[in-house]
Protein backbone atom coordinates (compact mmCIF):
# COMPACT_ATOMS: atom_id res chain seq x y z
CA MET A 1 104.45 -13.99 71.37
CA LYS A 2 106.58 -12.29 68.54
CA PHE A 3 109.44 -9.97 69.97
CA THR A 4 112.27 -8.12 68.13
CA ARG A 5 115.65 -6.41 69.22
CA LEU A 6 115.81 -2.98 67.87
CA ILE A 7 119.43 -1.72 67.67
CA SER A 8 120.43 1.79 66.34
CA VAL A 9 121.42 5.32 67.11
CA THR A 10 119.16 7.63 69.44
CA ILE A 11 118.40 11.51 69.94
CA PHE A 12 117.41 13.58 72.83
CA PHE A 13 114.57 15.92 72.13
CA PHE A 14 113.73 14.69 68.82
CA ASN A 15 116.42 14.41 65.98
CA CYS A 16 117.76 11.63 63.81
CA THR A 17 118.89 8.00 64.64
CA PHE A 18 121.12 5.46 63.12
CA LEU A 19 121.29 1.40 62.63
CA LEU A 20 124.18 0.15 64.28
CA SER A 21 123.63 -3.56 63.16
CA GLN A 22 121.52 -5.40 60.38
CA THR A 23 118.52 -6.08 62.29
CA LYS A 24 115.35 -6.70 60.89
CA VAL A 25 113.14 -4.02 60.81
CA SER A 26 109.71 -5.33 59.83
CA GLU A 27 109.18 -8.07 62.85
CA PHE A 28 105.63 -6.45 63.12
CA LYS A 29 102.68 -5.00 61.20
CA TYR A 30 101.00 -2.01 62.33
CA ASP A 31 97.55 -3.97 62.98
CA ASP A 32 99.86 -5.32 66.20
CA PHE A 33 99.53 -2.10 67.76
CA LYS A 34 96.52 -0.01 69.04
CA THR A 35 95.90 3.57 67.97
CA PRO A 36 96.46 6.38 70.44
CA GLU A 37 92.82 6.92 69.99
CA TYR A 38 91.89 3.66 70.84
CA CYS A 39 93.63 4.03 73.90
CA GLY A 40 92.50 7.25 74.74
CA SER A 41 88.71 7.53 73.53
CA ALA A 42 87.36 5.63 76.48
CA CYS A 43 89.61 4.53 78.88
CA HIS A 44 92.79 6.48 79.36
CA THR A 45 91.39 9.70 78.68
CA ASP A 46 93.47 11.94 80.77
CA ILE A 47 96.70 10.55 80.11
CA TYR A 48 95.95 10.68 76.43
CA GLN A 49 95.23 14.52 76.33
CA GLN A 50 98.32 15.23 77.93
CA TRP A 51 100.15 13.08 75.81
CA LYS A 52 98.66 14.99 72.69
CA GLN A 53 100.01 18.55 73.81
CA SER A 54 103.81 16.82 74.52
CA LEU A 55 106.21 16.45 71.90
CA MET A 56 106.09 12.58 72.11
CA ALA A 57 102.92 12.89 69.95
CA LYS A 58 104.85 14.89 67.43
CA ALA A 59 108.16 13.10 67.18
CA TYR A 60 107.58 12.44 63.50
CA THR A 61 105.09 15.59 62.58
CA HIS A 62 107.10 18.38 64.38
CA GLU A 63 108.12 20.47 61.36
CA TRP A 64 111.77 20.73 62.04
CA ASP A 65 112.27 17.11 62.35
CA GLU A 66 110.29 16.42 59.06
CA ILE A 67 112.62 19.19 57.53
CA GLU A 68 115.70 17.22 59.06
CA TYR A 69 114.75 14.27 57.71
CA PHE A 70 113.14 14.75 54.58
CA LYS A 71 115.38 17.54 53.23
CA LEU A 72 118.62 16.58 54.71
CA ALA A 73 119.15 13.10 56.53
CA LEU A 74 117.11 10.99 54.06
CA PRO A 75 119.00 12.41 50.57
CA HIS A 76 122.14 12.22 52.66
CA SER A 77 121.74 8.51 53.32
CA GLU A 78 121.16 7.77 49.80
CA THR A 79 124.51 9.36 48.53
CA ASP A 80 126.70 8.43 51.33
CA GLU A 81 127.07 4.84 52.51
CA ARG A 82 128.70 6.13 55.73
CA VAL A 83 125.52 7.26 57.01
CA ALA A 84 123.16 5.14 54.83
CA GLU A 85 121.29 3.77 57.92
CA VAL A 86 119.77 7.02 58.68
CA LYS A 87 117.18 6.43 56.28
CA ALA A 88 115.68 3.58 58.70
CA GLY A 89 117.36 4.77 62.02
CA CYS A 90 115.77 7.84 62.51
CA ASN A 91 112.68 6.24 62.59
CA GLY A 92 113.69 4.27 65.69
CA CYS A 93 112.77 6.69 67.89
CA HIS A 94 110.90 9.68 66.02
CA SER A 95 108.34 6.96 64.63
CA PRO A 96 109.16 3.41 66.10
CA LEU A 97 105.84 1.89 64.66
CA ALA A 98 107.16 2.66 61.27
CA TYR A 99 110.47 1.63 62.22
CA VAL A 100 109.45 -2.21 63.46
CA THR A 101 107.22 -2.74 60.94
CA GLY A 102 109.62 -1.62 58.05
CA ASP A 103 107.49 1.41 56.80
CA ILE A 104 111.00 2.84 55.81
CA PRO A 105 111.26 5.71 54.60
CA PRO A 106 107.75 6.24 55.85
CA LYS A 107 105.56 8.88 54.01
CA LYS A 108 105.50 12.65 54.74
CA PRO A 109 103.19 13.57 57.35
CA SER A 110 100.94 15.34 55.04
CA PHE A 111 99.99 11.81 54.19
CA ASN A 112 98.67 10.75 57.60
CA THR A 113 100.01 7.41 58.10
CA ARG A 114 100.58 5.52 60.91
CA ALA A 115 103.95 6.81 61.07
CA ASN A 116 102.26 10.11 62.59
CA GLU A 117 101.70 8.34 65.90
CA SER A 118 105.28 9.06 66.66
CA VAL A 119 105.77 8.12 70.31
CA SER A 120 102.15 6.34 70.80
CA CYS A 121 101.05 4.56 73.91
CA GLU A 122 101.63 1.34 72.31
CA VAL A 123 105.52 2.03 71.93
CA CYS A 124 106.42 2.49 75.31
CA HIS A 125 103.84 0.28 77.09
CA SER A 126 105.32 -2.60 74.80
CA ILE A 127 109.10 -2.33 75.53
CA VAL A 128 110.50 -4.92 78.09
CA SER A 129 113.95 -4.64 78.01
CA PHE A 130 116.88 -3.57 76.13
CA THR A 131 120.00 -5.09 74.84
CA GLY A 132 123.22 -4.75 76.16
CA GLU A 133 124.38 -2.86 79.34
CA VAL A 134 123.99 0.77 78.04
CA PRO A 135 120.59 1.88 76.71
CA TYR A 136 121.08 3.95 73.42
CA ASN A 137 120.34 3.92 69.81
CA HIS A 138 116.87 2.68 70.44
CA ASN A 139 118.05 -0.65 71.54
CA TYR A 140 114.74 -1.55 73.18
CA ILE A 141 113.27 -4.95 73.38
CA MET A 142 109.41 -4.56 71.99
CA ARG A 143 106.90 -7.05 72.73
CA PRO A 144 103.19 -5.78 71.71
CA GLY A 145 99.92 -7.74 72.31
CA LYS A 146 97.64 -7.94 74.88
CA THR A 147 99.91 -7.63 77.82
CA LYS A 148 100.66 -3.84 78.55
CA TYR A 149 103.81 -3.23 80.75
CA SER A 150 103.07 -0.60 83.49
CA THR A 151 104.57 0.86 86.87
CA ARG A 152 102.09 -0.74 88.88
CA LYS A 153 99.81 -3.74 88.84
CA SER A 154 96.19 -2.27 88.38
CA GLU A 155 93.54 -2.90 91.47
CA ILE A 156 91.13 -3.56 89.19
CA GLN A 157 90.98 -5.91 85.57
CA SER A 158 91.01 -3.87 82.37
CA PRO A 159 88.34 -5.54 80.08
CA VAL A 160 90.73 -4.71 76.87
CA HIS A 161 94.45 -6.03 78.33
CA GLU A 162 96.34 -7.35 80.55
CA ILE A 163 98.84 -5.57 83.09
CA VAL A 164 102.36 -6.34 84.01
CA LYS A 165 104.44 -4.17 86.46
CA SER A 166 107.73 -3.40 84.98
CA ASP A 167 110.38 -1.69 87.07
CA LEU A 168 112.28 -0.79 83.96
CA LEU A 169 109.39 1.88 83.17
CA ARG A 170 110.26 3.42 86.67
CA SER A 171 113.60 4.09 85.60
CA GLY A 172 115.60 6.55 83.82
CA ASP A 173 117.25 3.70 81.81
CA PHE A 174 113.77 3.48 80.12
CA CYS A 175 114.37 7.01 78.87
CA GLY A 176 118.10 6.01 77.63
CA VAL A 177 117.34 3.76 74.98
CA CYS A 178 116.32 7.09 73.02
CA HIS A 179 117.91 9.60 74.74
CA ASN A 180 121.42 8.68 74.28
CA GLU A 181 122.73 8.45 70.95
CA LYS A 182 126.35 7.31 68.96
CA SER A 183 126.43 8.33 65.38
CA PRO A 184 127.56 6.43 62.78
CA PHE A 185 131.22 7.53 63.44
CA GLY A 186 131.28 6.48 67.16
CA VAL A 187 130.62 9.52 68.86
CA TRP A 188 128.44 10.18 71.34
CA VAL A 189 125.64 13.05 70.02
CA LYS A 190 123.12 12.66 72.33
CA SER A 191 123.61 11.48 76.05
CA THR A 192 121.10 13.10 78.39
CA HIS A 193 120.43 9.67 80.00
CA LEU A 194 124.80 9.39 80.63
CA GLU A 195 124.90 13.16 82.03
CA TRP A 196 122.03 12.26 84.58
CA LYS A 197 124.11 8.77 85.37
CA GLU A 198 127.02 10.83 86.13
CA GLY A 199 125.24 13.86 88.00
CA PRO A 200 123.89 14.43 91.49
CA TYR A 201 120.60 13.37 90.59
CA PHE A 202 121.22 9.88 90.12
CA ARG A 203 122.97 9.18 93.08
CA GLU A 204 120.14 10.45 94.92
CA GLY A 205 117.69 8.34 93.30
CA VAL A 206 115.73 11.21 91.39
CA GLN A 207 114.64 9.66 88.07
CA CYS A 208 114.11 11.25 84.52
CA GLN A 209 110.46 10.50 85.17
CA ASP A 210 110.49 12.91 88.22
CA CYS A 211 110.69 15.70 86.32
CA HIS A 212 109.46 15.33 83.28
CA MET A 213 106.30 13.18 84.38
CA PRO A 214 105.48 14.38 87.80
CA LYS A 215 103.18 12.80 89.84
CA THR A 216 99.68 14.01 90.86
CA GLU A 217 96.41 12.43 92.07
CA MET A 218 94.20 11.46 89.06
CA ARG A 219 92.95 8.16 87.65
CA SER A 220 95.11 6.27 85.18
CA ALA A 221 91.96 4.85 83.49
CA SER A 222 88.44 6.48 83.63
CA MET A 223 86.88 3.14 85.45
CA GLY A 224 89.94 3.01 87.85
CA PRO A 225 90.75 4.24 91.08
CA VAL A 226 92.27 7.65 92.00
CA TYR A 227 95.87 7.33 92.62
CA LYS A 228 97.75 9.72 94.68
CA ASP A 229 101.15 9.17 93.13
CA MET A 230 99.86 8.88 89.15
CA ARG A 231 102.49 9.71 86.66
CA THR A 232 101.33 12.58 84.40
CA HIS A 233 102.22 11.82 80.87
CA ILE A 234 103.15 15.70 79.87
CA PHE A 235 106.76 15.16 79.02
CA HIS A 236 107.56 18.80 79.19
CA GLY A 237 111.14 19.44 78.09
CA ALA A 238 113.37 21.72 75.74
CA HIS A 239 110.08 23.02 73.87
CA ASP A 240 108.13 24.04 76.68
CA LYS A 241 108.78 27.60 77.82
CA SER A 242 107.34 26.85 81.26
CA LYS A 243 109.85 24.49 81.79
CA LEU A 244 112.61 26.35 80.43
CA ARG A 245 111.95 29.68 82.48
CA GLY A 246 114.28 29.87 85.42
CA VAL A 247 116.49 26.95 84.72
CA ILE A 248 119.48 29.18 85.29
CA GLU A 249 119.62 31.20 87.93
CA LEU A 250 121.55 34.36 87.83
CA LYS A 251 123.46 37.33 89.67
CA ILE A 252 125.50 39.90 88.64
CA TYR A 253 127.40 42.32 90.64
CA PRO A 254 130.37 45.03 90.04
CA ASP A 255 133.76 45.00 91.65
CA ILE A 256 133.12 48.99 92.29
CA ASP A 257 129.80 51.22 92.81
CA LYS A 258 130.89 54.67 92.12
CA VAL A 259 132.87 55.32 88.80
CA GLU A 260 134.38 58.22 87.08
CA PRO A 261 134.20 58.26 83.27
CA GLY A 262 137.34 56.53 81.62
CA GLU A 263 137.52 54.23 84.70
CA VAL A 264 137.08 50.58 84.10
CA VAL A 265 134.54 48.41 86.12
CA LYS A 266 134.44 44.60 86.22
CA PHE A 267 130.95 42.87 86.68
CA THR A 268 130.73 39.47 87.66
CA VAL A 269 128.03 36.78 86.40
CA LEU A 270 127.11 33.79 88.34
CA LEU A 271 125.08 31.73 86.61
CA TYR A 272 123.53 28.27 88.43
CA ASN A 273 121.84 25.54 86.86
CA GLN A 274 119.49 24.50 89.56
CA LYS A 275 116.66 23.01 87.88
CA THR A 276 117.99 20.30 85.23
CA GLY A 277 119.28 16.51 86.14
CA HIS A 278 121.38 17.00 83.25
CA LYS A 279 123.59 19.43 81.33
CA PHE A 280 122.00 22.48 79.79
CA PRO A 281 121.33 22.67 76.94
CA THR A 282 121.30 18.77 76.42
CA GLY A 283 119.94 16.70 73.66
CA SER A 284 120.14 17.82 70.19
CA VAL A 285 122.96 20.25 71.28
CA GLU A 286 123.85 20.38 67.92
CA ASP A 287 120.93 22.70 66.96
CA ARG A 288 120.47 24.36 70.28
CA ILE A 289 122.16 28.14 71.31
CA VAL A 290 122.20 29.16 74.70
CA TRP A 291 123.85 32.50 75.02
CA LEU A 292 124.78 35.43 78.39
CA HIS A 293 124.19 38.65 76.88
CA VAL A 294 125.38 41.55 79.16
CA GLU A 295 124.09 45.27 78.25
CA ALA A 296 124.38 48.78 80.27
CA ILE A 297 121.87 51.50 79.99
CA ASP A 298 123.17 54.92 81.52
CA SER A 299 120.95 58.21 82.61
CA LYS A 300 120.25 59.33 78.93
CA ASN A 301 119.25 55.72 77.63
CA ASN A 302 122.43 55.17 75.84
CA LYS A 303 122.92 51.33 75.54
CA TYR A 304 126.53 49.29 75.61
CA HIS A 305 127.12 46.04 74.82
CA LEU A 306 129.47 44.37 76.85
CA PRO A 307 131.92 41.68 75.61
CA VAL A 308 132.52 38.79 77.90
CA ASP A 309 136.34 38.37 79.30
CA LYS A 310 137.76 35.57 77.38
CA LYS A 311 139.22 32.71 79.68
CA GLY A 312 141.86 31.45 77.46
CA PHE A 313 140.90 27.51 77.60
CA GLU A 314 141.05 25.31 74.34
CA GLY A 315 138.14 25.71 71.90
CA GLU A 316 136.99 28.99 73.77
CA GLU A 317 136.40 30.68 70.25
CA TYR A 318 133.47 28.60 69.73
CA THR A 319 131.77 29.85 73.21
CA ILE A 320 132.17 33.45 72.25
CA SER A 321 129.44 34.64 69.43
CA SER A 322 131.17 36.10 66.20
CA ASN A 323 130.25 36.56 62.80
CA ALA A 324 132.24 33.24 61.47
CA LEU A 325 130.40 30.74 58.85
CA ALA A 326 129.74 27.34 59.58
CA TYR A 327 127.63 24.48 58.72
CA GLN A 328 129.30 23.85 55.18
CA ASP A 329 128.56 20.33 54.89
CA LEU A 330 124.51 21.49 54.18
CA GLY A 331 126.11 21.57 50.99
CA VAL A 332 126.49 17.72 50.80
CA ALA A 333 123.12 16.77 52.29
CA LEU A 334 121.43 19.35 49.82
CA ASN A 335 123.72 18.83 46.64
CA ILE A 336 125.21 22.29 46.56
CA PRO A 337 128.99 22.39 45.66
CA ASP A 338 131.13 24.54 47.29
CA PHE A 339 128.54 25.85 49.74
CA LYS A 340 129.95 28.90 51.90
CA GLY A 341 128.07 28.08 55.34
CA LEU A 342 125.90 29.83 57.13
CA GLU A 343 126.59 32.43 60.19
CA ARG A 344 127.41 30.27 62.86
CA ASP A 345 125.62 31.80 65.73
CA ALA A 346 123.27 34.71 64.23
CA ILE A 347 123.60 36.83 67.28
CA SER A 348 125.47 39.93 68.51
CA PRO A 349 129.45 39.14 68.66
CA GLY A 350 131.22 39.06 72.14
CA ASN A 351 128.33 37.06 74.09
CA ARG A 352 129.45 33.79 76.12
CA ILE A 353 127.30 30.77 74.56
CA PHE A 354 126.96 27.59 76.49
CA ARG A 355 127.52 25.18 73.66
CA MET A 356 129.38 21.88 72.70
CA PRO A 357 130.33 22.01 69.02
CA TYR A 358 130.10 19.49 67.09
CA PHE A 359 132.13 18.50 63.74
CA ASP A 360 132.09 16.59 60.54
CA PRO A 361 134.30 14.48 58.93
CA GLU A 362 136.34 17.30 57.40
CA GLY A 363 136.49 19.17 60.72
CA GLN A 364 133.65 21.64 60.24
CA MET A 365 131.11 22.73 62.76
CA THR A 366 127.91 20.74 61.93
CA ILE A 367 123.96 20.47 62.99
CA GLN A 368 123.75 17.24 61.40
CA GLN A 369 124.65 14.78 64.16
CA TRP A 370 124.41 11.82 62.19
CA TYR A 371 127.65 13.49 60.43
CA THR A 372 129.36 13.93 63.53
CA ALA A 373 132.85 12.65 63.44
CA SER A 374 134.18 14.69 66.64
CA LEU A 375 133.18 16.76 69.53
CA GLY A 376 134.57 20.29 70.42
CA VAL A 377 135.01 21.82 73.87
CA ASP A 378 131.77 21.02 76.68
CA TYR A 379 131.19 24.24 77.92
CA ARG A 380 127.41 23.59 78.86
CA ILE A 381 126.28 24.21 82.43
CA GLY A 382 126.01 20.90 84.57
CA PRO A 383 123.60 19.81 87.12
CA ARG A 384 124.00 22.17 89.89
CA GLU A 385 127.09 23.74 88.50
CA THR A 386 127.63 27.35 89.04
CA LYS A 387 129.75 29.22 86.08
CA VAL A 388 131.58 32.40 86.45
CA GLU A 389 131.79 34.66 83.72
CA THR A 390 133.40 38.36 83.84
CA PHE A 391 132.46 41.54 81.50
CA THR A 392 135.27 44.31 82.20
CA PHE A 393 133.90 47.77 80.99
CA ARG A 394 135.57 51.05 80.57
CA ILE A 395 133.36 53.85 81.04
CA PRO A 396 133.06 55.93 78.35
CA ASP A 397 134.60 59.63 78.72
CA ASN A 398 131.11 60.81 77.39
CA CYS A 399 129.27 58.74 79.62
CA PRO A 400 126.45 61.19 81.43
CA PRO A 401 126.53 61.14 85.23
CA GLY A 402 123.97 59.31 87.30
CA PRO A 403 122.99 55.23 87.75
CA LEU A 404 124.21 53.00 85.23
CA LYS A 405 121.97 50.12 84.88
CA VAL A 406 123.68 47.00 83.94
CA THR A 407 121.57 43.94 82.93
CA ALA A 408 122.32 40.19 82.18
CA THR A 409 120.19 38.15 80.07
CA ILE A 410 120.96 34.37 79.30
CA ASN A 411 118.95 33.86 76.23
CA TYR A 412 118.04 30.30 74.55
CA LYS A 413 116.89 28.98 70.82
CA LEU A 414 116.38 25.70 69.89
CA LEU A 415 117.66 26.04 66.52
CA VAL A 416 120.22 28.63 65.37
CA GLU A 417 118.28 31.50 63.45
CA SER A 418 120.24 31.40 60.08
CA VAL A 419 119.76 27.47 59.79
CA GLY A 420 116.50 27.95 60.81
CA LYS A 421 115.75 30.36 57.95
CA PHE A 422 118.08 29.02 55.28
CA LEU A 423 115.87 25.70 55.71
CA GLY A 424 112.60 27.23 55.55
CA VAL A 425 111.88 26.26 59.24
CA PRO A 426 109.12 28.08 60.90
CA PRO A 427 110.19 30.77 62.89
CA SER A 428 108.72 29.60 66.34
CA GLU A 429 111.93 27.07 66.07
CA TYR A 430 114.34 29.74 66.51
CA GLU A 431 112.52 32.65 68.33
CA THR A 432 114.56 34.01 71.27
CA ILE A 433 113.57 32.42 74.67
CA VAL A 434 114.50 34.50 77.76
CA ILE A 435 115.48 32.05 80.28
CA ASN A 436 116.45 34.49 83.01
CA GLU A 437 117.64 38.01 83.83
CA GLN A 438 119.15 40.15 86.64
CA SER A 439 120.21 43.69 86.79
CA THR A 440 122.65 45.39 88.77
CA GLU A 441 123.35 49.28 89.13
CA ILE A 442 126.55 51.72 89.54
CA GLU A 443 126.68 55.22 89.87
CA ILE A 444 128.51 57.30 87.13
CA LEU A 445 130.21 60.39 89.18
CA PRO A 446 130.25 64.02 87.30
């Protein structure tokens, strides 16, 4: 039986990957793999329908990923030998079948080739191991054929394939092959699996699958028994609003309850990551923007934006929103000489941003993970970590008496809005998603 060793660079929530060695990418043919429809038409009907709703089923066809690959990564790979392997490597996790069959570059999704199957049933259930000690850069070992690898040995015999139990599929290490990534410059640009490995959930035995493939009572196949602990195949994550809501808990309180105009109040905000087994945000951190906005409303409905107090740590300027320009290296991929860049944050200035900036070889902030040569300060919120932010506010002299309501809101965008608009990405990719909010009140005295 044929099998291949695939080594390249990976991504967390669906971005590009890169080859690390000269490995054959045409070991198999598309015909060696069944289609998702074959698996889901009669036997694995529920699992198939769950998978279809997930981004695993759209890892290649998703609009932003298509734009990023065909508009940025692919042309960049053809003009800069340092990132030449992007041409093949992105597909190692976004369209593994295209990668292992040598369909490089695949045709665009509009051609409806088998590259569109993205991360299909056959991909995961044909993986038997990975090379080396750390899963990353799609270093999976794949063995397609009649034998399928699963987390349990079936109680009945499948009429179309054999089933072999695999402990790897139960482990978060399985996820790491496509949720850890090093850039061609040797920088960890995706490290969701490593973040989990370093955090409290791994030490307690909680695996990635426990949150992203929660157990329920259902059948794995229409002719099979009902299992009380069957894994769902919903893979909900960064693109699922129901998963995002409440990820971070908030609490805001003042240092004094009653003040007069002209006096100073300090509001403290506590942000607790009570939900993720990795940092938030994670995965495509170069794209994401998470920020804390604090706003006051007085008794006459006048609004005041409260800027965050600076802490003074190195690199803090990247964690406070401003009108600074960034992403000048988009001009390299798009062949726009002397490109001035885009607005770095595209939100109101003075908010606290929870991010880790990526820098290109010229030291400029980038959203192109394959062109990342260094990283800035990591000011994301770790699992079960509490961040403390303060907002010192001088009450305006003309502030009317009565209640002053102060609201802290933590917001999230999958992609910085200025980048999305510039590249023609659908607005749904850079809409503002409210993660959580909480309010407090003080009284303004006459």
